[in-house]
Amino acid sequence: MATDDLSTILAFMLADLPQVKIGKHINNINFLVGEKVFAFVKGDGVAMKLPKEKIKELIDQDRAVPLVMGKRTMKEWAVLKHENPEEYKGDLEIFKESIAFVAP
């Protein structure tokens, strides 16, 4: 899957949500609420910040994997991966949960 395709789909999907801004850090597209990142494109997936319980639920359902940065497993972050970028449209409620979790 092309990262550009995924970034484009996510930008169209999330841009109209209240308070959501789209940014770029290094070579990754970030999605912010206020000044806080709630999701970003990571390789061929999307990393999202969510409560630990939701992360566990998504991992248990094989819908996500833990986000590992270096040697550290991030406790409030998971990576969702789909074969087809269009499938992320079905995750809109999870993105909204992430926004609510991060919102000031």
C-alpha atoms as a PDB file:
ATOM      1  CA  MET A   1       0.000   0.000   0.000  1.00  0.00           C
ATOM      2  CA  ALA A   2       1.293   3.450  -0.805  1.00  0.00           C
ATOM      3  CA  THR A   3       1.722   5.765   2.172  1.00  0.00           C
ATOM      4  CA  ASP A   4       0.525   8.675   0.025  1.00  0.00           C
ATOM      5  CA  ASP A   5      -2.773   6.881  -0.678  1.00  0.00           C
ATOM      6  CA  LEU A   6      -3.270   6.190   3.009  1.00  0.00           C
ATOM      7  CA  SER A   7      -2.416   9.777   3.972  1.00  0.00           C
ATOM      8  CA  THR A   8      -4.844  11.130   1.365  1.00  0.00           C
ATOM      9  CA  ILE A   9      -7.709   8.896   2.499  1.00  0.00           C
ATOM     10  CA  LEU A  10      -7.135   9.774   6.162  1.00  0.00           C
ATOM     11  CA  ALA A  11      -6.883  13.490   5.372  1.00  0.00           C
ATOM     12  CA  PHE A  12     -10.242  13.447   3.566  1.00  0.00           C
ATOM     13  CA  MET A  13     -11.785  11.300   6.291  1.00  0.00           C
ATOM     14  CA  LEU A  14     -10.589  13.366   9.280  1.00  0.00           C
ATOM     15  CA  ALA A  15     -10.227  16.937   7.996  1.00  0.00           C
ATOM     16  CA  ASP A  16     -13.878  17.853   8.568  1.00  0.00           C
ATOM     17  CA  LEU A  17     -13.977  16.653  12.167  1.00  0.00           C
ATOM     18  CA  PRO A  18     -14.048  19.483  14.736  1.00  0.00           C
ATOM     19  CA  GLN A  19     -10.637  20.706  15.929  1.00  0.00           C
ATOM     20  CA  VAL A  20      -8.655  18.299  13.699  1.00  0.00           C
ATOM     21  CA  LYS A  21      -5.547  19.676  12.030  1.00  0.00           C
ATOM     22  CA  ILE A  22      -3.206  17.899   9.660  1.00  0.00           C
ATOM     23  CA  GLY A  23       0.539  18.340   9.990  1.00  0.00           C
ATOM     24  CA  LYS A  24       3.784  16.788   8.894  1.00  0.00           C
ATOM     25  CA  HIS A  25       6.692  15.738  11.089  1.00  0.00           C
ATOM     26  CA  ILE A  26       9.831  14.409   9.425  1.00  0.00           C
ATOM     27  CA  ASN A  27       8.267  12.221   6.709  1.00  0.00           C
ATOM     28  CA  ASN A  28       5.071  11.293   8.554  1.00  0.00           C
ATOM     29  CA  ILE A  29       1.630  12.835   8.282  1.00  0.00           C
ATOM     30  CA  ASN A  30       0.260  13.703  11.729  1.00  0.00           C
ATOM     31  CA  PHE A  31      -3.315  14.321  12.799  1.00  0.00           C
ATOM     32  CA  LEU A  32      -3.708  16.722  15.690  1.00  0.00           C
ATOM     33  CA  VAL A  33      -6.416  17.998  17.984  1.00  0.00           C
ATOM     34  CA  GLY A  34      -5.273  21.292  19.411  1.00  0.00           C
ATOM     35  CA  GLU A  35      -1.510  20.897  19.556  1.00  0.00           C
ATOM     36  CA  LYS A  36      -1.588  17.181  20.453  1.00  0.00           C
ATOM     37  CA  VAL A  37      -1.082  14.319  18.017  1.00  0.00           C
ATOM     38  CA  PHE A  38      -3.829  11.689  18.163  1.00  0.00           C
ATOM     39  CA  ALA A  39      -2.795   9.686  15.084  1.00  0.00           C
ATOM     40  CA  PHE A  40      -0.022   9.464  12.530  1.00  0.00           C
ATOM     41  CA  VAL A  41       0.871   7.378   9.509  1.00  0.00           C
ATOM     42  CA  LYS A  42       3.468   4.787  10.509  1.00  0.00           C
ATOM     43  CA  GLY A  43       4.792   2.762   7.605  1.00  0.00           C
ATOM     44  CA  ASP A  44       1.788   1.055   6.064  1.00  0.00           C
ATOM     45  CA  GLY A  45      -0.425   1.564   9.123  1.00  0.00           C
ATOM     46  CA  VAL A  46      -1.840   4.233  11.378  1.00  0.00           C
ATOM     47  CA  ALA A  47      -0.670   4.777  14.958  1.00  0.00           C
ATOM     48  CA  MET A  48      -3.408   6.049  17.283  1.00  0.00           C
ATOM     49  CA  LYS A  49      -3.412   7.193  20.885  1.00  0.00           C
ATOM     50  CA  LEU A  50      -6.158   5.519  22.910  1.00  0.00           C
ATOM     51  CA  PRO A  51      -6.847   4.433  26.482  1.00  0.00           C
ATOM     52  CA  LYS A  52      -4.953   1.291  27.522  1.00  0.00           C
ATOM     53  CA  GLU A  53      -8.207  -0.706  27.749  1.00  0.00           C
ATOM     54  CA  LYS A  54      -9.118   0.131  24.137  1.00  0.00           C
ATOM     55  CA  ILE A  55      -5.591  -0.740  22.972  1.00  0.00           C
ATOM     56  CA  LYS A  56      -5.889  -4.145  24.650  1.00  0.00           C
ATOM     57  CA  GLU A  57      -9.307  -4.698  23.080  1.00  0.00           C
ATOM     58  CA  LEU A  58      -8.043  -3.884  19.568  1.00  0.00           C
ATOM     59  CA  ILE A  59      -4.967  -6.097  19.999  1.00  0.00           C
ATOM     60  CA  ASP A  60      -7.090  -8.966  21.383  1.00  0.00           C
ATOM     61  CA  GLN A  61      -9.347  -8.651  18.303  1.00  0.00           C
ATOM     62  CA  ASP A  62      -6.278  -8.727  15.999  1.00  0.00           C
ATOM     63  CA  ARG A  63      -7.242  -5.287  14.695  1.00  0.00           C
ATOM     64  CA  ALA A  64      -4.027  -3.623  15.905  1.00  0.00           C
ATOM     65  CA  VAL A  65      -0.519  -4.223  17.176  1.00  0.00           C
ATOM     66  CA  PRO A  66       1.343  -2.325  19.907  1.00  0.00           C
ATOM     67  CA  LEU A  67       3.365   0.700  18.801  1.00  0.00           C
ATOM     68  CA  VAL A  68       7.067   0.119  19.442  1.00  0.00           C
ATOM     69  CA  MET A  69       9.404   3.113  19.242  1.00  0.00           C
ATOM     70  CA  GLY A  70      12.999   1.956  19.455  1.00  0.00           C
ATOM     71  CA  LYS A  71      12.967  -0.579  22.290  1.00  0.00           C
ATOM     72  CA  ARG A  72       9.960   0.953  24.036  1.00  0.00           C
ATOM     73  CA  THR A  73       6.401  -0.332  23.711  1.00  0.00           C
ATOM     74  CA  MET A  74       4.117   2.671  23.986  1.00  0.00           C
ATOM     75  CA  LYS A  75       1.335   2.002  26.505  1.00  0.00           C
ATOM     76  CA  GLU A  76      -1.312   4.288  25.024  1.00  0.00           C
ATOM     77  CA  TRP A  77      -0.563   3.781  21.334  1.00  0.00           C
ATOM     78  CA  ALA A  78      -1.476   1.045  18.844  1.00  0.00           C
ATOM     79  CA  VAL A  79      -0.998   0.615  15.108  1.00  0.00           C
ATOM     80  CA  LEU A  80      -3.954  -0.336  12.931  1.00  0.00           C
ATOM     81  CA  LYS A  81      -3.104  -1.988   9.619  1.00  0.00           C
ATOM     82  CA  HIS A  82      -5.347  -2.795   6.679  1.00  0.00           C
ATOM     83  CA  GLU A  83      -4.437  -4.220   3.283  1.00  0.00           C
ATOM     84  CA  ASN A  84      -6.569  -1.642   1.493  1.00  0.00           C
ATOM     85  CA  PRO A  85      -6.403   2.033   2.590  1.00  0.00           C
ATOM     86  CA  GLU A  86     -10.164   2.337   1.972  1.00  0.00           C
ATOM     87  CA  GLU A  87     -10.751  -0.024   4.929  1.00  0.00           C
ATOM     88  CA  TYR A  88      -9.702   2.728   7.371  1.00  0.00           C
ATOM     89  CA  LYS A  89     -13.008   4.438   6.620  1.00  0.00           C
ATOM     90  CA  GLY A  90     -14.594   1.710   8.762  1.00  0.00           C
ATOM     91  CA  ASP A  91     -12.453   2.845  11.709  1.00  0.00           C
ATOM     92  CA  LEU A  92     -13.936   6.350  11.953  1.00  0.00           C
ATOM     93  CA  GLU A  93     -15.377   5.679  15.424  1.00  0.00           C
ATOM     94  CA  ILE A  94     -11.949   4.589  16.686  1.00  0.00           C
ATOM     95  CA  PHE A  95     -10.442   7.810  15.320  1.00  0.00           C
ATOM     96  CA  LYS A  96     -13.184   9.766  17.126  1.00  0.00           C
ATOM     97  CA  GLU A  97     -12.352   7.892  20.362  1.00  0.00           C
ATOM     98  CA  SER A  98      -8.712   8.858  19.898  1.00  0.00           C
ATOM     99  CA  ILE A  99      -9.639  12.508  19.361  1.00  0.00           C
ATOM    100  CA  ALA A 100     -11.795  12.518  22.510  1.00  0.00           C
ATOM    101  CA  PHE A 101      -8.982  10.861  24.489  1.00  0.00           C
ATOM    102  CA  VAL A 102      -6.392  13.449  23.419  1.00  0.00           C
ATOM    103  CA  ALA A 103      -8.596  16.567  23.269  1.00  0.00           C
ATOM    104  CA  PRO A 104      -7.724  19.253  25.822  1.00  0.00           C
END
